[in-house]
Every structure is written in structure tokens, then in C-alpha cells.
N, C-alpha and C. Protein backbone atom coordinates (compact mmCIF):
# COMPACT_ATOMS: atom_id res chain seq x y z
N MET A 1 45.20 -23.21 -32.27
CA MET A 1 46.62 -22.40 -32.54
C MET A 1 45.82 -21.75 -33.71
N LEU A 2 45.54 -20.72 -33.95
CA LEU A 2 45.05 -19.90 -34.74
C LEU A 2 46.27 -19.28 -36.30
N ASN A 3 45.79 -19.06 -37.30
CA ASN A 3 46.50 -19.41 -38.58
C ASN A 3 46.78 -18.22 -38.80
N GLN A 4 47.34 -17.20 -39.40
CA GLN A 4 48.47 -16.32 -39.60
C GLN A 4 46.80 -14.92 -40.13
N ALA A 5 46.35 -15.47 -40.81
CA ALA A 5 44.54 -14.74 -41.08
C ALA A 5 44.23 -14.59 -40.10
N ASP A 6 43.37 -15.67 -39.17
CA ASP A 6 42.89 -15.55 -38.15
C ASP A 6 44.02 -14.67 -36.48
N GLN A 7 44.67 -14.87 -36.34
CA GLN A 7 45.81 -13.64 -36.15
C GLN A 7 45.60 -12.24 -35.72
N ASP A 8 45.75 -12.27 -37.43
CA ASP A 8 45.62 -10.57 -38.04
C ASP A 8 44.10 -10.30 -37.97
N GLU A 9 43.24 -10.92 -38.05
CA GLU A 9 41.72 -10.46 -38.22
C GLU A 9 41.33 -10.45 -35.92
N HIS A 10 42.02 -10.78 -35.60
CA HIS A 10 41.70 -10.97 -34.03
C HIS A 10 42.30 -9.87 -33.69
N TYR A 11 43.65 -9.00 -34.14
CA TYR A 11 44.16 -8.30 -33.57
C TYR A 11 43.97 -6.79 -34.18
N MET A 12 43.16 -7.11 -35.51
CA MET A 12 43.35 -6.05 -36.12
C MET A 12 41.48 -5.55 -35.16
N ARG A 13 40.80 -7.23 -34.78
CA ARG A 13 39.68 -6.42 -33.75
C ARG A 13 39.64 -4.76 -32.78
N LEU A 14 40.39 -5.53 -31.70
CA LEU A 14 41.53 -5.11 -30.69
C LEU A 14 41.82 -3.24 -31.00
N ALA A 15 42.36 -3.50 -32.35
CA ALA A 15 42.96 -2.31 -33.24
C ALA A 15 41.46 -1.23 -33.04
N ILE A 16 40.35 -1.19 -33.41
CA ILE A 16 38.85 -1.53 -33.69
C ILE A 16 38.44 -1.06 -32.91
N GLU A 17 38.54 -1.66 -31.38
CA GLU A 17 38.14 -1.46 -30.02
C GLU A 17 38.84 -0.07 -29.74
N ALA A 18 40.45 -0.60 -29.92
CA ALA A 18 40.75 1.48 -29.51
C ALA A 18 40.22 2.09 -30.04
N ALA A 19 40.35 2.25 -31.07
CA ALA A 19 39.87 3.17 -32.34
C ALA A 19 38.25 4.09 -31.60
N ARG A 20 37.45 3.02 -31.29
CA ARG A 20 36.11 3.53 -30.47
C ARG A 20 36.68 4.35 -29.29
N ILE A 21 37.87 4.00 -28.79
CA ILE A 21 38.06 5.09 -27.76
C ILE A 21 38.59 6.41 -28.21
N ALA A 22 39.01 6.62 -29.08
CA ALA A 22 39.53 8.04 -30.16
C ALA A 22 37.66 8.82 -30.43
N GLU A 23 37.12 7.78 -30.56
CA GLU A 23 36.05 8.61 -31.47
C GLU A 23 35.32 8.96 -30.32
N ASP A 24 35.42 8.52 -28.98
CA ASP A 24 34.16 8.77 -27.77
C ASP A 24 35.10 10.04 -27.49
N ASN A 25 35.88 10.28 -27.37
CA ASN A 25 37.27 11.54 -27.39
C ASN A 25 36.75 12.34 -27.80
N GLY A 26 35.88 12.30 -29.50
CA GLY A 26 36.06 13.37 -30.32
C GLY A 26 36.91 13.22 -31.15
N ASP A 27 38.06 12.27 -31.23
CA ASP A 27 39.13 12.41 -32.45
C ASP A 27 38.67 11.50 -33.14
N VAL A 28 39.69 11.22 -34.76
CA VAL A 28 39.17 10.46 -35.47
C VAL A 28 39.65 9.24 -35.22
N PRO A 29 38.49 8.02 -35.25
CA PRO A 29 39.22 6.60 -34.36
C PRO A 29 40.08 5.65 -35.15
N ILE A 30 41.20 6.42 -35.37
CA ILE A 30 41.84 4.89 -35.26
C ILE A 30 42.47 4.32 -34.49
N GLY A 31 42.86 2.89 -34.55
CA GLY A 31 43.47 1.99 -33.16
C GLY A 31 44.71 1.80 -33.75
N ALA A 32 45.39 1.17 -32.82
CA ALA A 32 47.04 0.52 -33.24
C ALA A 32 47.30 -0.73 -32.20
N VAL A 33 46.98 -1.60 -32.21
CA VAL A 33 48.33 -2.28 -31.24
C VAL A 33 49.37 -2.98 -31.70
N ILE A 34 50.37 -2.90 -30.95
CA ILE A 34 51.24 -3.90 -31.37
C ILE A 34 52.03 -5.29 -30.68
N VAL A 35 52.31 -5.99 -31.31
CA VAL A 35 52.09 -7.84 -30.66
C VAL A 35 53.62 -8.40 -30.44
N HIS A 36 54.05 -8.84 -29.31
CA HIS A 36 55.19 -9.37 -29.64
C HIS A 36 55.10 -10.81 -29.26
N GLU A 37 55.54 -11.35 -29.95
CA GLU A 37 54.81 -12.89 -29.44
C GLU A 37 54.32 -13.73 -28.71
N GLY A 38 53.23 -12.55 -29.52
CA GLY A 38 51.75 -13.63 -28.77
C GLY A 38 51.14 -12.76 -28.14
N GLN A 39 51.85 -11.41 -27.36
CA GLN A 39 51.21 -10.69 -26.14
C GLN A 39 51.02 -9.28 -26.80
N VAL A 40 50.63 -8.59 -26.31
CA VAL A 40 49.96 -7.47 -26.57
C VAL A 40 51.13 -6.63 -25.74
N ILE A 41 51.57 -5.58 -26.49
CA ILE A 41 52.67 -4.31 -26.09
C ILE A 41 52.83 -2.67 -26.00
N GLY A 42 51.06 -3.21 -26.69
CA GLY A 42 51.29 -1.51 -27.03
C GLY A 42 49.79 -1.51 -27.72
N ARG A 43 48.94 -0.48 -27.11
CA ARG A 43 47.66 -0.72 -27.61
C ARG A 43 47.59 0.75 -27.40
N ALA A 44 46.97 1.40 -28.95
CA ALA A 44 46.84 3.11 -28.16
C ALA A 44 45.81 3.68 -29.46
N TYR A 45 44.91 4.94 -29.38
CA TYR A 45 44.05 5.27 -30.61
C TYR A 45 44.66 6.83 -30.00
N ASN A 46 44.19 7.29 -31.72
CA ASN A 46 44.82 8.85 -32.24
C ASN A 46 44.20 9.53 -30.83
N GLU A 47 45.19 10.61 -30.61
CA GLU A 47 44.69 11.60 -29.07
C GLU A 47 45.11 13.24 -29.28
N ARG A 48 45.27 13.46 -30.69
CA ARG A 48 45.10 14.32 -31.29
C ARG A 48 44.17 15.37 -30.33
N GLU A 49 43.44 15.51 -30.48
CA GLU A 49 42.55 16.28 -29.92
C GLU A 49 42.49 16.39 -28.63
N GLN A 50 42.98 15.09 -28.13
CA GLN A 50 42.84 15.66 -26.00
C GLN A 50 43.95 15.83 -26.26
N LEU A 51 44.86 16.02 -26.12
CA LEU A 51 46.36 16.57 -26.14
C LEU A 51 46.51 17.67 -26.88
N GLN A 52 46.14 17.75 -27.97
CA GLN A 52 46.49 19.04 -28.80
C GLN A 52 47.66 18.93 -29.11
N ASP A 53 48.30 17.26 -29.67
CA ASP A 53 49.58 16.79 -29.65
C ASP A 53 48.93 16.76 -31.63
N PRO A 54 50.18 17.42 -32.68
CA PRO A 54 49.76 16.81 -33.82
C PRO A 54 50.63 15.34 -33.86
N THR A 55 51.30 14.67 -32.96
CA THR A 55 52.07 14.08 -33.09
C THR A 55 51.55 12.54 -32.10
N ALA A 56 50.15 12.87 -31.45
CA ALA A 56 49.44 11.90 -30.80
C ALA A 56 49.09 11.28 -31.88
N HIS A 57 49.98 10.58 -32.53
CA HIS A 57 48.93 9.13 -33.85
C HIS A 57 48.94 7.89 -32.34
N ALA A 58 47.72 7.33 -33.53
CA ALA A 58 47.64 5.92 -32.99
C ALA A 58 48.97 5.10 -32.61
N GLU A 59 49.73 4.79 -33.87
CA GLU A 59 51.22 4.84 -34.00
C GLU A 59 51.92 5.11 -33.29
N ILE A 60 51.59 6.03 -33.16
CA ILE A 60 53.37 6.24 -32.62
C ILE A 60 53.09 6.47 -30.78
N VAL A 61 51.90 6.43 -30.39
CA VAL A 61 51.76 6.02 -28.61
C VAL A 61 51.67 5.12 -28.54
N ALA A 62 51.31 4.09 -29.65
CA ALA A 62 51.93 2.15 -29.02
C ALA A 62 53.05 2.46 -29.13
N LEU A 63 53.96 2.86 -30.36
CA LEU A 63 55.45 2.34 -30.29
C LEU A 63 56.03 2.93 -28.88
N THR A 64 55.41 4.18 -28.32
CA THR A 64 56.64 3.69 -27.08
C THR A 64 55.82 3.55 -26.15
N GLN A 65 54.46 3.05 -26.34
CA GLN A 65 54.57 2.05 -24.95
C GLN A 65 55.00 0.59 -25.12
N ALA A 66 55.25 0.03 -26.47
CA ALA A 66 55.43 -0.88 -26.76
C ALA A 66 57.72 -1.10 -26.32
N ALA A 67 57.93 0.14 -27.09
CA ALA A 67 59.09 0.78 -26.80
C ALA A 67 59.49 0.50 -25.29
N ALA A 68 58.70 0.95 -23.94
CA ALA A 68 58.78 0.60 -22.65
C ALA A 68 58.60 -0.04 -22.08
N PHE A 69 57.91 -1.11 -22.42
CA PHE A 69 57.74 -2.13 -22.50
C PHE A 69 58.95 -3.69 -22.78
N VAL A 70 59.16 -3.81 -23.54
CA VAL A 70 60.98 -4.40 -24.08
C VAL A 70 61.85 -3.55 -23.55
N GLU A 71 61.70 -2.25 -23.37
CA GLU A 71 63.29 -1.23 -22.53
C GLU A 71 63.49 -1.18 -23.94
N SER A 72 63.37 -0.71 -25.35
CA SER A 72 64.24 -0.94 -25.66
C SER A 72 63.90 -0.02 -26.76
N TRP A 73 64.41 0.78 -27.84
CA TRP A 73 63.78 1.46 -29.55
C TRP A 73 63.39 0.38 -30.35
N ARG A 74 64.44 -1.01 -30.57
CA ARG A 74 64.40 -1.33 -31.44
C ARG A 74 63.30 -2.60 -31.75
N LEU A 75 62.35 -3.04 -32.19
CA LEU A 75 61.15 -3.08 -31.65
C LEU A 75 61.31 -4.70 -32.98
N HIS A 76 62.33 -4.98 -32.60
CA HIS A 76 62.28 -6.33 -33.81
C HIS A 76 61.46 -7.60 -33.22
N GLY A 77 61.00 -8.42 -34.46
CA GLY A 77 59.93 -9.09 -33.93
C GLY A 77 58.30 -8.50 -33.46
N CYS A 78 58.76 -7.76 -33.90
CA CYS A 78 57.06 -6.98 -33.50
C CYS A 78 56.12 -6.90 -34.55
N THR A 79 54.41 -7.11 -34.34
CA THR A 79 53.74 -6.53 -35.80
C THR A 79 52.84 -5.89 -34.97
N VAL A 80 52.77 -4.14 -35.83
CA VAL A 80 51.76 -3.71 -35.98
C VAL A 80 50.88 -3.74 -36.46
N TYR A 81 49.67 -3.43 -35.54
CA TYR A 81 48.25 -3.96 -36.16
C TYR A 81 47.34 -2.19 -36.47
N VAL A 82 47.49 -1.56 -37.82
CA VAL A 82 46.38 -0.69 -37.04
C VAL A 82 45.10 0.13 -37.84
N THR A 83 43.88 0.35 -37.64
CA THR A 83 43.12 0.62 -38.37
C THR A 83 42.60 1.13 -39.93
N LEU A 84 43.92 1.84 -39.90
CA LEU A 84 43.99 2.98 -41.43
C LEU A 84 45.40 2.96 -41.42
N GLU A 85 45.74 2.84 -43.01
CA GLU A 85 46.90 2.82 -43.65
C GLU A 85 48.20 4.16 -42.95
N PRO A 86 49.23 3.64 -42.03
CA PRO A 86 50.23 4.66 -41.60
C PRO A 86 50.37 5.77 -42.49
N CYS A 87 50.80 7.04 -42.14
CA CYS A 87 50.95 8.31 -42.89
C CYS A 87 52.51 8.64 -42.70
N PRO A 88 52.96 9.43 -43.24
CA PRO A 88 54.14 9.45 -43.61
C PRO A 88 55.40 9.62 -42.56
N MET A 89 54.59 10.73 -40.97
CA MET A 89 55.16 10.74 -40.18
C MET A 89 55.03 9.05 -39.28
N CYS A 90 54.43 8.36 -38.57
CA CYS A 90 53.84 6.69 -39.00
C CYS A 90 55.23 5.88 -39.65
N ALA A 91 54.67 5.83 -40.50
CA ALA A 91 55.53 4.84 -41.72
C ALA A 91 57.04 5.24 -40.96
N GLY A 92 57.27 6.44 -41.02
CA GLY A 92 58.59 6.43 -40.78
C GLY A 92 58.94 6.06 -40.00
N ALA A 93 58.40 6.46 -38.80
CA ALA A 93 58.62 5.64 -37.00
C ALA A 93 58.71 4.16 -36.69
N LEU A 94 58.09 3.70 -37.84
CA LEU A 94 58.24 1.96 -37.22
C LEU A 94 59.04 2.02 -38.44
N VAL A 95 59.47 2.14 -39.57
CA VAL A 95 61.09 1.70 -40.21
C VAL A 95 61.84 2.35 -38.96
N LEU A 96 62.09 3.46 -38.58
CA LEU A 96 63.18 3.55 -37.37
C LEU A 96 62.81 2.23 -36.36
N ALA A 97 61.44 1.93 -35.69
CA ALA A 97 62.41 1.44 -34.54
C ALA A 97 62.07 -0.59 -35.03
N ARG A 98 61.85 -0.51 -36.34
CA ARG A 98 62.30 -1.87 -36.62
C ARG A 98 61.33 -2.57 -36.62
N VAL A 99 60.14 -2.57 -36.68
CA VAL A 99 59.59 -3.09 -36.81
C VAL A 99 59.61 -4.35 -37.61
N ASP A 100 58.92 -5.13 -37.94
CA ASP A 100 58.70 -6.36 -38.77
C ASP A 100 58.04 -6.50 -39.49
N ARG A 101 56.95 -6.04 -39.25
CA ARG A 101 55.83 -6.43 -39.92
C ARG A 101 54.50 -5.55 -39.58
N LEU A 102 53.73 -5.07 -40.66
CA LEU A 102 52.46 -4.19 -40.43
C LEU A 102 51.33 -4.39 -41.12
N VAL A 103 50.49 -4.68 -40.21
CA VAL A 103 49.07 -4.85 -40.95
C VAL A 103 48.11 -3.60 -40.63
N TYR A 104 47.39 -3.50 -41.62
CA TYR A 104 46.85 -2.53 -41.67
C TYR A 104 45.01 -2.26 -42.51
N GLY A 105 44.14 -2.08 -41.89
CA GLY A 105 43.19 -2.14 -42.46
C GLY A 105 42.22 -1.45 -43.77
N CYS A 106 42.41 -0.25 -44.00
CA CYS A 106 42.12 0.35 -45.35
C CYS A 106 43.13 1.11 -45.08
N ALA A 107 42.95 1.41 -46.81
CA ALA A 107 44.28 2.74 -47.40
C ALA A 107 43.77 3.69 -47.17
N ASP A 108 44.06 4.79 -47.35
CA ASP A 108 44.62 6.17 -47.07
C ASP A 108 45.01 6.78 -48.23
N PRO A 109 44.06 7.30 -49.19
CA PRO A 109 44.66 7.94 -50.86
C PRO A 109 45.18 8.87 -50.95
N LYS A 110 44.67 9.96 -49.74
CA LYS A 110 45.51 11.15 -49.38
C LYS A 110 46.52 11.37 -48.72
N THR A 111 47.02 10.63 -47.87
CA THR A 111 48.35 10.56 -46.61
C THR A 111 48.89 9.32 -46.99
N GLY A 112 48.22 8.04 -47.04
CA GLY A 112 48.73 6.79 -46.89
C GLY A 112 50.10 6.50 -46.98
N ALA A 113 51.36 6.19 -46.07
CA ALA A 113 52.58 5.88 -46.75
C ALA A 113 53.15 5.22 -46.18
N CYS A 114 52.03 3.53 -46.93
CA CYS A 114 52.52 1.94 -47.03
C CYS A 114 51.53 1.48 -48.70
N GLY A 115 52.22 2.36 -49.17
CA GLY A 115 51.75 1.47 -50.41
C GLY A 115 50.47 2.32 -51.38
N SER A 116 50.10 3.22 -50.67
CA SER A 116 49.12 3.85 -51.04
C SER A 116 49.36 5.80 -52.14
N LEU A 117 49.57 6.61 -51.32
CA LEU A 117 50.26 7.57 -51.99
C LEU A 117 52.10 7.71 -51.35
N TYR A 118 52.84 6.99 -50.85
CA TYR A 118 54.29 6.46 -51.03
C TYR A 118 54.22 4.99 -50.02
N ASN A 119 55.52 4.65 -50.11
CA ASN A 119 55.58 3.46 -49.60
C ASN A 119 57.16 3.63 -48.94
N ILE A 120 56.72 4.28 -47.72
CA ILE A 120 58.14 3.87 -46.86
C ILE A 120 59.05 2.72 -46.31
N VAL A 121 57.64 1.69 -45.87
CA VAL A 121 57.86 1.13 -45.23
C VAL A 121 59.02 0.30 -45.65
N GLN A 122 58.73 -0.15 -46.66
CA GLN A 122 58.96 -0.44 -48.15
C GLN A 122 60.10 0.06 -48.94
N ASP A 123 60.56 1.07 -48.91
CA ASP A 123 61.55 1.87 -50.17
C ASP A 123 63.07 1.23 -49.64
N GLU A 124 63.22 1.07 -50.81
CA GLU A 124 64.71 -0.07 -50.60
C GLU A 124 66.03 0.88 -50.01
N ARG A 125 65.85 2.24 -50.20
CA ARG A 125 66.69 3.49 -50.23
C ARG A 125 67.05 3.41 -48.31
N LEU A 126 66.21 3.58 -47.87
CA LEU A 126 66.18 2.67 -45.92
C LEU A 126 67.31 1.65 -45.48
N ASN A 127 67.32 1.54 -44.58
CA ASN A 127 68.43 0.51 -43.89
C ASN A 127 66.84 -0.29 -42.93
N HIS A 128 65.78 -0.53 -43.13
CA HIS A 128 65.15 -1.67 -42.81
C HIS A 128 63.42 -1.35 -43.73
N ARG A 129 62.96 -2.20 -44.11
CA ARG A 129 61.91 -2.78 -44.23
C ARG A 129 60.81 -3.25 -43.96
N LEU A 130 59.44 -3.22 -44.27
CA LEU A 130 58.87 -4.20 -43.40
C LEU A 130 57.53 -5.04 -44.24
N GLU A 131 57.13 -6.30 -43.77
CA GLU A 131 56.47 -7.02 -44.49
C GLU A 131 55.16 -5.96 -44.30
N VAL A 132 54.56 -5.56 -45.06
CA VAL A 132 53.26 -5.26 -45.22
C VAL A 132 51.66 -6.30 -45.45
N ALA A 133 50.58 -6.49 -44.80
CA ALA A 133 49.33 -6.60 -44.91
C ALA A 133 48.37 -5.76 -45.01
N ALA A 134 47.75 -5.68 -46.03
CA ALA A 134 47.14 -4.00 -45.93
C ALA A 134 45.35 -5.42 -46.02
N GLY A 135 44.90 -4.43 -45.88
CA GLY A 135 43.08 -5.11 -45.86
C GLY A 135 42.28 -5.55 -45.27
N VAL A 136 43.16 -5.95 -43.92
CA VAL A 136 42.28 -7.13 -42.82
C VAL A 136 41.37 -6.01 -42.52
N LEU A 137 40.52 -6.36 -42.43
CA LEU A 137 39.00 -6.46 -41.68
C LEU A 137 38.85 -4.41 -42.84
N GLU A 138 39.23 -4.31 -43.77
CA GLU A 138 39.22 -3.62 -44.52
C GLU A 138 37.69 -2.65 -44.32
N ALA A 139 36.63 -3.40 -44.74
CA ALA A 139 35.07 -2.79 -44.56
C ALA A 139 35.12 -2.64 -43.68
N GLU A 140 35.05 -3.25 -42.07
CA GLU A 140 34.47 -2.29 -40.45
C GLU A 140 35.74 -1.31 -40.27
N CYS A 141 36.51 -1.31 -41.22
CA CYS A 141 37.52 0.32 -40.26
C CYS A 141 36.94 0.64 -41.30
N ARG A 142 36.71 0.78 -42.60
CA ARG A 142 36.64 2.18 -43.32
C ARG A 142 34.86 2.45 -42.59
N ALA A 143 34.44 1.58 -42.90
CA ALA A 143 32.67 2.24 -41.67
C ALA A 143 32.79 2.85 -40.68
N GLN A 144 33.21 2.33 -40.24
CA GLN A 144 33.90 3.23 -38.83
C GLN A 144 34.75 4.59 -38.67
N LEU A 145 35.48 4.54 -40.08
CA LEU A 145 35.93 6.27 -40.37
C LEU A 145 34.76 6.96 -41.34
N GLN A 146 34.44 6.30 -42.16
CA GLN A 146 33.40 6.73 -42.83
C GLN A 146 32.20 7.32 -41.56
N GLY A 147 31.75 6.72 -40.92
CA GLY A 147 30.49 6.73 -39.96
C GLY A 147 30.79 7.95 -38.89
N PHE A 148 32.18 8.65 -38.79
CA PHE A 148 32.98 9.17 -37.79
C PHE A 148 32.62 10.44 -38.50
N PHE A 149 32.91 10.52 -39.92
CA PHE A 149 33.20 12.24 -40.39
C PHE A 149 31.90 12.27 -41.33
N GLU A 150 30.65 11.54 -41.49
CA GLU A 150 29.45 11.25 -42.05
C GLU A 150 28.53 12.50 -40.48
N ARG A 151 29.22 12.08 -39.81
CA ARG A 151 28.21 12.33 -37.76
C ARG A 151 28.60 13.59 -38.34
N ARG A 152 29.71 13.77 -37.75
CA ARG A 152 30.69 15.34 -38.27
C ARG A 152 30.15 16.46 -38.98
N ARG A 153 29.42 15.58 -39.80
CA ARG A 153 29.73 17.02 -41.11
C ARG A 153 28.32 17.30 -40.89
N LEU A 154 27.46 16.14 -40.10
CA LEU A 154 26.23 16.14 -39.92
C LEU A 154 26.08 17.34 -38.06
N GLU A 155 27.40 17.09 -37.29
CA GLU A 155 26.91 18.05 -36.66
C GLU A 155 27.61 19.99 -37.31
N ARG A 156 28.08 19.66 -37.89
CA ARG A 156 28.63 21.11 -37.51
C ARG A 156 27.18 21.46 -39.45
N LYS A 157 26.47 21.04 -39.71
CA LYS A 157 25.79 21.68 -40.35
C LYS A 157 24.55 22.16 -39.58
N GLY A 158 24.42 21.56 -38.72
CA GLY A 158 23.28 21.80 -37.88
C GLY A 158 22.25 21.45 -37.92
N PRO A 159 21.35 21.26 -37.33
CA PRO A 159 19.62 20.76 -37.34
C PRO A 159 18.89 21.41 -38.67
N SER A 160 18.44 20.52 -39.53
CA SER A 160 17.74 21.44 -40.46
C SER A 160 16.51 21.80 -39.85
N GLU A 161 16.19 22.47 -40.85
CA GLU A 161 15.14 22.64 -40.76
C GLU A 161 13.25 22.52 -42.00
N ASP A 162 12.90 22.12 -40.88
CA ASP A 162 11.59 21.40 -42.18
C ASP A 162 10.40 22.12 -42.06
């Protein structure tokens, strides 16, 4: 049986794999996996560009899958793994879904709502709080995102004239 750190890395690797699909589809490579009692019940990636839907973040899509799987909007006993710290919308959804635990790869100082810019998931004024583990496979998650944006900048710049 894997210890908690090994489990966290295992499921984060699945989230990183999901993020690759987003990138292949031209979207920001963010992936999310939801686990309940050792079983993956939600696995998604950003689909904002593909669906032209501002709410199609990996976390939201995975929450919808997980709720359908357990046939309840309450996701007690679930852990969400996501490659980038969730934004305010996603953090709020995690609280509303009553998720127990959040594990994320790299922090997002511009829009992160789980400790960086805000801390919605642990705000004592709300009726539910999550346990948070940050920095799991952080270097890999950060490299995936940075590589995507570097390639995008190069594509926009066009071929250089030598």
C-alpha cells in the first residue's frame, strides 16, 4: 500500500497526463483528477478553447463527472488533484461540493484562490473547509505550463528573420 505522498504523486501524474490533452487541443494545460476510496471518479482537462466556455476549467468538468458517478453533488471523502492552484471559481466549487482534500502542483500568484492570492478553500467564514497539500510534483507542473506559454509566444511572434 502506498503512503500518502506516493499516492499524491501517482494521482498528480494522472492529472499531468490529462493536462497534455488540453495542450494538444490548444488549451492551457491544466488537468484534474478526483479520487474517492482509491478510485478515480473524475478526470478532466481545460476545455475552454475547445468549448468556448469560460467555466470549462479542468476542476469544474471533473467535479461534474464525479457528482454523476456518486449520484450526489456532495463529494464527501473525495480528493481533488489539479496541476495548478485553483482560481476563485474553482475554489468556490470545491467548497460547495464539500470536497475533503485538495492537492495541487504549482501555485498561481495571479489568480490562485487556495493560498496564493486568496484562500477560499480554508476561509473560516464559509461552511466548509478543505485540507490542502501544495507543491506536489511542482516542478513538472510548472514546466508543463511554462513550456506551453513559451511555445505560444513563439508562435505569435512568427518565424525570425535571419
